[in-house]
Structures are given as structure tokens and as C-alpha cells.
Amino acid sequence: MCAYTKEELAEAKRSIASTLGKCEKALLKLTPGKSQHTLTARRIAAFRIALELLDRELEAGKRDGLE
């Protein structure tokens, strides 16, 4: 059972998606091979994982009738 409400998860998803978009835009301006480029690329990967996990949790809540 999730300790967060559907609304909390949805808000977290919106916030992470927003930050992901900003990171993707910033990555285009960074020099490949530099530490900031690597860090931003890793953050992007982590945000994508987080969004996928949030989607799974929200979907599980729908299946379990916890809307």
C-alpha cells in the first residue's frame, strides 16, 4: 500500500516532468564530456525512471480501486 495520495503522486509527477524538460533543454547547451553534461544526462535518466515508477504507482492505484 502506498503512503501517498493520488493527488500527491500526480503533483510529484508534474514537478518531475517540469524539471526533466528544463534539464533536457539545458543539456543541449552543455559540452559533451564535461562534468555538467554528464551530471545533467544522469539526472535526466533518473527523472525518467522516477516518472515511470510514478506512472506504475498511479496505475496500480486505479487497478486496486484506490482512486
PDB file of N, CA and C in Angstrom:
ATOM      1  N   MET A   1       0.844  -1.182   0.000  1.00  0.00           N
ATOM      2  CA  MET A   1       0.000   0.000   0.000  1.00  0.00           C
ATOM      3  C   MET A   1       0.885   1.240   0.000  1.00  0.00           C
ATOM      4  N   CYS A   2       0.513   2.191  -0.798  1.00  0.00           N
ATOM      5  CA  CYS A   2       1.267   3.430  -0.938  1.00  0.00           C
ATOM      6  C   CYS A   2       0.929   4.382   0.212  1.00  0.00           C
ATOM      7  N   ALA A   3       1.941   5.075   0.694  1.00  0.00           N
ATOM      8  CA  ALA A   3       1.737   6.020   1.786  1.00  0.00           C
ATOM      9  C   ALA A   3       1.376   7.411   1.272  1.00  0.00           C
ATOM     10  N   TYR A   4       1.219   7.559  -0.044  1.00  0.00           N
ATOM     11  CA  TYR A   4       0.927   8.849  -0.639  1.00  0.00           C
ATOM     12  C   TYR A   4      -0.430   8.828  -1.327  1.00  0.00           C
ATOM     13  N   THR A   5      -1.086   9.969  -1.344  1.00  0.00           N
ATOM     14  CA  THR A   5      -2.373  10.050  -2.010  1.00  0.00           C
ATOM     15  C   THR A   5      -2.164  10.160  -3.523  1.00  0.00           C
ATOM     16  N   LYS A   6      -3.233   9.913  -4.249  1.00  0.00           N
ATOM     17  CA  LYS A   6      -3.196  10.038  -5.708  1.00  0.00           C
ATOM     18  C   LYS A   6      -2.807  11.460  -6.101  1.00  0.00           C
ATOM     19  N   GLU A   7      -3.326  12.434  -5.378  1.00  0.00           N
ATOM     20  CA  GLU A   7      -3.024  13.833  -5.661  1.00  0.00           C
ATOM     21  C   GLU A   7      -1.552  14.155  -5.419  1.00  0.00           C
ATOM     22  N   GLU A   8      -0.984  13.623  -4.352  1.00  0.00           N
ATOM     23  CA  GLU A   8       0.438  13.847  -4.068  1.00  0.00           C
ATOM     24  C   GLU A   8       1.311  13.242  -5.159  1.00  0.00           C
ATOM     25  N   LEU A   9       0.964  12.058  -5.607  1.00  0.00           N
ATOM     26  CA  LEU A   9       1.726  11.410  -6.669  1.00  0.00           C
ATOM     27  C   LEU A   9       1.604  12.181  -7.976  1.00  0.00           C
ATOM     28  N   ALA A  10       0.407  12.656  -8.284  1.00  0.00           N
ATOM     29  CA  ALA A  10       0.192  13.426  -9.509  1.00  0.00           C
ATOM     30  C   ALA A  10       0.983  14.728  -9.476  1.00  0.00           C
ATOM     31  N   GLU A  11       1.009  15.393  -8.330  1.00  0.00           N
ATOM     32  CA  GLU A  11       1.768  16.637  -8.201  1.00  0.00           C
ATOM     33  C   GLU A  11       3.265  16.369  -8.333  1.00  0.00           C
ATOM     34  N   ALA A  12       3.742  15.294  -7.733  1.00  0.00           N
ATOM     35  CA  ALA A  12       5.152  14.930  -7.861  1.00  0.00           C
ATOM     36  C   ALA A  12       5.498  14.659  -9.324  1.00  0.00           C
ATOM     37  N   LYS A  13       4.589  13.991 -10.020  1.00  0.00           N
ATOM     38  CA  LYS A  13       4.807  13.689 -11.436  1.00  0.00           C
ATOM     39  C   LYS A  13       4.905  14.975 -12.247  1.00  0.00           C
ATOM     40  N   ARG A  14       4.020  15.935 -12.006  1.00  0.00           N
ATOM     41  CA  ARG A  14       4.064  17.214 -12.719  1.00  0.00           C
ATOM     42  C   ARG A  14       5.377  17.947 -12.450  1.00  0.00           C
ATOM     43  N   SER A  15       5.794  17.947 -11.213  1.00  0.00           N
ATOM     44  CA  SER A  15       7.020  18.645 -10.837  1.00  0.00           C
ATOM     45  C   SER A  15       8.245  18.005 -11.486  1.00  0.00           C
ATOM     46  N   ILE A  16       8.311  16.681 -11.448  1.00  0.00           N
ATOM     47  CA  ILE A  16       9.444  15.975 -12.042  1.00  0.00           C
ATOM     48  C   ILE A  16       9.450  16.157 -13.557  1.00  0.00           C
ATOM     49  N   ALA A  17       8.284  16.099 -14.178  1.00  0.00           N
ATOM     50  CA  ALA A  17       8.203  16.283 -15.631  1.00  0.00           C
ATOM     51  C   ALA A  17       8.682  17.683 -16.021  1.00  0.00           C
ATOM     52  N   SER A  18       8.334  18.674 -15.230  1.00  0.00           N
ATOM     53  CA  SER A  18       8.770  20.036 -15.491  1.00  0.00           C
ATOM     54  C   SER A  18      10.291  20.148 -15.390  1.00  0.00           C
ATOM     55  N   THR A  19      10.844  19.589 -14.346  1.00  0.00           N
ATOM     56  CA  THR A  19      12.291  19.639 -14.148  1.00  0.00           C
ATOM     57  C   THR A  19      13.007  18.850 -15.239  1.00  0.00           C
ATOM     58  N   LEU A  20      12.435  17.741 -15.643  1.00  0.00           N
ATOM     59  CA  LEU A  20      13.011  16.940 -16.723  1.00  0.00           C
ATOM     60  C   LEU A  20      13.097  17.773 -18.000  1.00  0.00           C
ATOM     61  N   GLY A  21      12.033  18.469 -18.334  1.00  0.00           N
ATOM     62  CA  GLY A  21      12.043  19.311 -19.527  1.00  0.00           C
ATOM     63  C   GLY A  21      13.125  20.376 -19.473  1.00  0.00           C
ATOM     64  N   LYS A  22      13.291  20.983 -18.316  1.00  0.00           N
ATOM     65  CA  LYS A  22      14.318  22.008 -18.153  1.00  0.00           C
ATOM     66  C   LYS A  22      15.716  21.412 -18.307  1.00  0.00           C
ATOM     67  N   CYS A  23      15.909  20.221 -17.759  1.00  0.00           N
ATOM     68  CA  CYS A  23      17.210  19.549 -17.877  1.00  0.00           C
ATOM     69  C   CYS A  23      17.504  19.183 -19.326  1.00  0.00           C
ATOM     70  N   GLU A  24      16.487  18.717 -20.040  1.00  0.00           N
ATOM     71  CA  GLU A  24      16.680  18.353 -21.444  1.00  0.00           C
ATOM     72  C   GLU A  24      17.076  19.573 -22.273  1.00  0.00           C
ATOM     73  N   LYS A  25      16.473  20.723 -21.997  1.00  0.00           N
ATOM     74  CA  LYS A  25      16.842  21.958 -22.701  1.00  0.00           C
ATOM     75  C   LYS A  25      18.262  22.382 -22.343  1.00  0.00           C
ATOM     76  N   ALA A  26      18.596  22.272 -21.069  1.00  0.00           N
ATOM     77  CA  ALA A  26      19.933  22.674 -20.612  1.00  0.00           C
ATOM     78  C   ALA A  26      21.008  21.768 -21.213  1.00  0.00           C
ATOM     79  N   LEU A  27      20.701  20.491 -21.351  1.00  0.00           N
ATOM     80  CA  LEU A  27      21.677  19.533 -21.871  1.00  0.00           C
ATOM     81  C   LEU A  27      22.154  19.927 -23.261  1.00  0.00           C
ATOM     82  N   LEU A  28      21.265  20.500 -24.060  1.00  0.00           N
ATOM     83  CA  LEU A  28      21.619  20.905 -25.417  1.00  0.00           C
ATOM     84  C   LEU A  28      22.681  22.002 -25.433  1.00  0.00           C
ATOM     85  N   LYS A  29      22.775  22.757 -24.358  1.00  0.00           N
ATOM     86  CA  LYS A  29      23.719  23.872 -24.293  1.00  0.00           C
ATOM     87  C   LYS A  29      25.037  23.485 -23.628  1.00  0.00           C
ATOM     88  N   LEU A  30      25.104  22.286 -23.080  1.00  0.00           N
ATOM     89  CA  LEU A  30      26.305  21.853 -22.368  1.00  0.00           C
ATOM     90  C   LEU A  30      27.249  21.088 -23.301  1.00  0.00           C
ATOM     91  N   THR A  31      28.527  21.143 -22.990  1.00  0.00           N
ATOM     92  CA  THR A  31      29.544  20.487 -23.800  1.00  0.00           C
ATOM     93  C   THR A  31      29.651  19.010 -23.418  1.00  0.00           C
ATOM     94  N   PRO A  32      29.438  18.116 -24.411  1.00  0.00           N
ATOM     95  CA  PRO A  32      29.589  16.678 -24.120  1.00  0.00           C
ATOM     96  C   PRO A  32      30.980  16.375 -23.567  1.00  0.00           C
ATOM     97  N   GLY A  33      31.010  15.477 -22.610  1.00  0.00           N
ATOM     98  CA  GLY A  33      32.276  15.087 -21.993  1.00  0.00           C
ATOM     99  C   GLY A  33      32.617  15.888 -20.753  1.00  0.00           C
ATOM    100  N   LYS A  34      31.981  17.023 -20.577  1.00  0.00           N
ATOM    101  CA  LYS A  34      32.227  17.842 -19.389  1.00  0.00           C
ATOM    102  C   LYS A  34      31.371  17.320 -18.233  1.00  0.00           C
ATOM    103  N   SER A  35      31.798  17.618 -17.032  1.00  0.00           N
ATOM    104  CA  SER A  35      31.114  17.080 -15.859  1.00  0.00           C
ATOM    105  C   SER A  35      29.658  17.522 -15.771  1.00  0.00           C
ATOM    106  N   GLN A  36      29.357  18.764 -16.114  1.00  0.00           N
ATOM    107  CA  GLN A  36      27.978  19.242 -16.031  1.00  0.00           C
ATOM    108  C   GLN A  36      27.079  18.521 -17.038  1.00  0.00           C
ATOM    109  N   HIS A  37      27.628  18.198 -18.202  1.00  0.00           N
ATOM    110  CA  HIS A  37      26.867  17.451 -19.210  1.00  0.00           C
ATOM    111  C   HIS A  37      26.556  16.056 -18.680  1.00  0.00           C
ATOM    112  N   THR A  38      27.560  15.394 -18.124  1.00  0.00           N
ATOM    113  CA  THR A  38      27.385  14.047 -17.582  1.00  0.00           C
ATOM    114  C   THR A  38      26.373  14.048 -16.447  1.00  0.00           C
ATOM    115  N   LEU A  39      26.501  14.992 -15.535  1.00  0.00           N
ATOM    116  CA  LEU A  39      25.586  15.104 -14.397  1.00  0.00           C
ATOM    117  C   LEU A  39      24.154  15.325 -14.868  1.00  0.00           C
ATOM    118  N   THR A  40      23.974  16.212 -15.818  1.00  0.00           N
ATOM    119  CA  THR A  40      22.631  16.505 -16.320  1.00  0.00           C
ATOM    120  C   THR A  40      22.048  15.301 -17.045  1.00  0.00           C
ATOM    121  N   ALA A  41      22.859  14.599 -17.820  1.00  0.00           N
ATOM    122  CA  ALA A  41      22.387  13.399 -18.515  1.00  0.00           C
ATOM    123  C   ALA A  41      21.950  12.337 -17.506  1.00  0.00           C
ATOM    124  N   ARG A  42      22.692  12.194 -16.428  1.00  0.00           N
ATOM    125  CA  ARG A  42      22.322  11.215 -15.390  1.00  0.00           C
ATOM    126  C   ARG A  42      21.047  11.642 -14.664  1.00  0.00           C
ATOM    127  N   ARG A  43      20.882  12.924 -14.453  1.00  0.00           N
ATOM    128  CA  ARG A  43      19.647  13.421 -13.828  1.00  0.00           C
ATOM    129  C   ARG A  43      18.450  13.136 -14.731  1.00  0.00           C
ATOM    130  N   ILE A  44      18.620  13.345 -16.018  1.00  0.00           N
ATOM    131  CA  ILE A  44      17.547  13.074 -16.968  1.00  0.00           C
ATOM    132  C   ILE A  44      17.130  11.608 -16.888  1.00  0.00           C
ATOM    133  N   ALA A  45      18.114  10.719 -16.864  1.00  0.00           N
ATOM    134  CA  ALA A  45      17.811   9.288 -16.757  1.00  0.00           C
ATOM    135  C   ALA A  45      17.071   8.984 -15.463  1.00  0.00           C
ATOM    136  N   ALA A  46      17.500   9.589 -14.374  1.00  0.00           N
ATOM    137  CA  ALA A  46      16.858   9.353 -13.076  1.00  0.00           C
ATOM    138  C   ALA A  46      15.427   9.887 -13.060  1.00  0.00           C
ATOM    139  N   PHE A  47      15.216  11.064 -13.652  1.00  0.00           N
ATOM    140  CA  PHE A  47      13.859  11.623 -13.706  1.00  0.00           C
ATOM    141  C   PHE A  47      12.940  10.753 -14.556  1.00  0.00           C
ATOM    142  N   ARG A  48      13.463  10.200 -15.641  1.00  0.00           N
ATOM    143  CA  ARG A  48      12.641   9.315 -16.478  1.00  0.00           C
ATOM    144  C   ARG A  48      12.234   8.061 -15.711  1.00  0.00           C
ATOM    145  N   ILE A  49      13.153   7.516 -14.935  1.00  0.00           N
ATOM    146  CA  ILE A  49      12.841   6.351 -14.096  1.00  0.00           C
ATOM    147  C   ILE A  49      11.784   6.720 -13.069  1.00  0.00           C
ATOM    148  N   ALA A  50      11.963   7.873 -12.430  1.00  0.00           N
ATOM    149  CA  ALA A  50      11.003   8.318 -11.415  1.00  0.00           C
ATOM    150  C   ALA A  50       9.610   8.477 -12.013  1.00  0.00           C
ATOM    151  N   LEU A  51       9.530   9.054 -13.215  1.00  0.00           N
ATOM    152  CA  LEU A  51       8.226   9.219 -13.863  1.00  0.00           C
ATOM    153  C   LEU A  51       7.587   7.875 -14.178  1.00  0.00           C
ATOM    154  N   GLU A  52       8.396   6.927 -14.637  1.00  0.00           N
ATOM    155  CA  GLU A  52       7.865   5.591 -14.922  1.00  0.00           C
ATOM    156  C   GLU A  52       7.334   4.926 -13.650  1.00  0.00           C
ATOM    157  N   LEU A  53       8.063   5.056 -12.564  1.00  0.00           N
ATOM    158  CA  LEU A  53       7.620   4.468 -11.301  1.00  0.00           C
ATOM    159  C   LEU A  53       6.353   5.146 -10.783  1.00  0.00           C
ATOM    160  N   LEU A  54       6.272   6.453 -10.935  1.00  0.00           N
ATOM    161  CA  LEU A  54       5.053   7.164 -10.530  1.00  0.00           C
ATOM    162  C   LEU A  54       3.871   6.714 -11.381  1.00  0.00           C
ATOM    163  N   ASP A  55       4.090   6.554 -12.684  1.00  0.00           N
ATOM    164  CA  ASP A  55       3.018   6.066 -13.557  1.00  0.00           C
ATOM    165  C   ASP A  55       2.548   4.684 -13.108  1.00  0.00           C
ATOM    166  N   ARG A  56       3.483   3.819 -12.782  1.00  0.00           N
ATOM    167  CA  ARG A  56       3.126   2.467 -12.312  1.00  0.00           C
ATOM    168  C   ARG A  56       2.302   2.537 -11.026  1.00  0.00           C
ATOM    169  N   GLU A  57       2.723   3.392 -10.119  1.00  0.00           N
ATOM    170  CA  GLU A  57       2.024   3.514  -8.837  1.00  0.00           C
ATOM    171  C   GLU A  57       0.619   4.073  -9.033  1.00  0.00           C
ATOM    172  N   LEU A  58       0.497   5.069  -9.891  1.00  0.00           N
ATOM    173  CA  LEU A  58      -0.823   5.635 -10.169  1.00  0.00           C
ATOM    174  C   LEU A  58      -1.715   4.609 -10.862  1.00  0.00           C
ATOM    175  N   GLU A  59      -1.152   3.833 -11.779  1.00  0.00           N
ATOM    176  CA  GLU A  59      -1.917   2.795 -12.466  1.00  0.00           C
ATOM    177  C   GLU A  59      -2.335   1.686 -11.494  1.00  0.00           C
ATOM    178  N   ALA A  60      -1.435   1.318 -10.594  1.00  0.00           N
ATOM    179  CA  ALA A  60      -1.763   0.295  -9.587  1.00  0.00           C
ATOM    180  C   ALA A  60      -2.905   0.773  -8.704  1.00  0.00           C
ATOM    181  N   GLY A  61      -2.911   2.055  -8.390  1.00  0.00           N
ATOM    182  CA  GLY A  61      -3.978   2.619  -7.581  1.00  0.00           C
ATOM    183  C   GLY A  61      -5.308   2.539  -8.304  1.00  0.00           C
ATOM    184  N   LYS A  62      -5.309   2.752  -9.612  1.00  0.00           N
ATOM    185  CA  LYS A  62      -6.539   2.637 -10.404  1.00  0.00           C
ATOM    186  C   LYS A  62      -7.031   1.192 -10.416  1.00  0.00           C
ATOM    187  N   ARG A  63      -6.113   0.261 -10.613  1.00  0.00           N
ATOM    188  CA  ARG A  63      -6.490  -1.157 -10.653  1.00  0.00           C
ATOM    189  C   ARG A  63      -7.038  -1.633  -9.309  1.00  0.00           C
ATOM    190  N   ASP A  64      -6.464  -1.097  -8.237  1.00  0.00           N
ATOM    191  CA  ASP A  64      -6.874  -1.505  -6.896  1.00  0.00           C
ATOM    192  C   ASP A  64      -8.102  -0.738  -6.411  1.00  0.00           C
ATOM    193  N   GLY A  65      -8.587   0.170  -7.241  1.00  0.00           N
ATOM    194  CA  GLY A  65      -9.756   0.950  -6.874  1.00  0.00           C
ATOM    195  C   GLY A  65      -9.501   1.987  -5.797  1.00  0.00           C
ATOM    196  N   LEU A  66      -8.269   2.493  -5.763  1.00  0.00           N
ATOM    197  CA  LEU A  66      -7.903   3.448  -4.729  1.00  0.00           C
ATOM    198  C   LEU A  66      -7.911   4.883  -5.259  1.00  0.00           C
ATOM    199  N   GLU A  67      -8.705   5.143  -6.253  1.00  0.00           N
ATOM    200  CA  GLU A  67      -8.729   6.487  -6.846  1.00  0.00           C
ATOM    201  C   GLU A  67      -9.220   7.512  -5.896  1.00  0.00           C
TER     202      GLU A  67
END
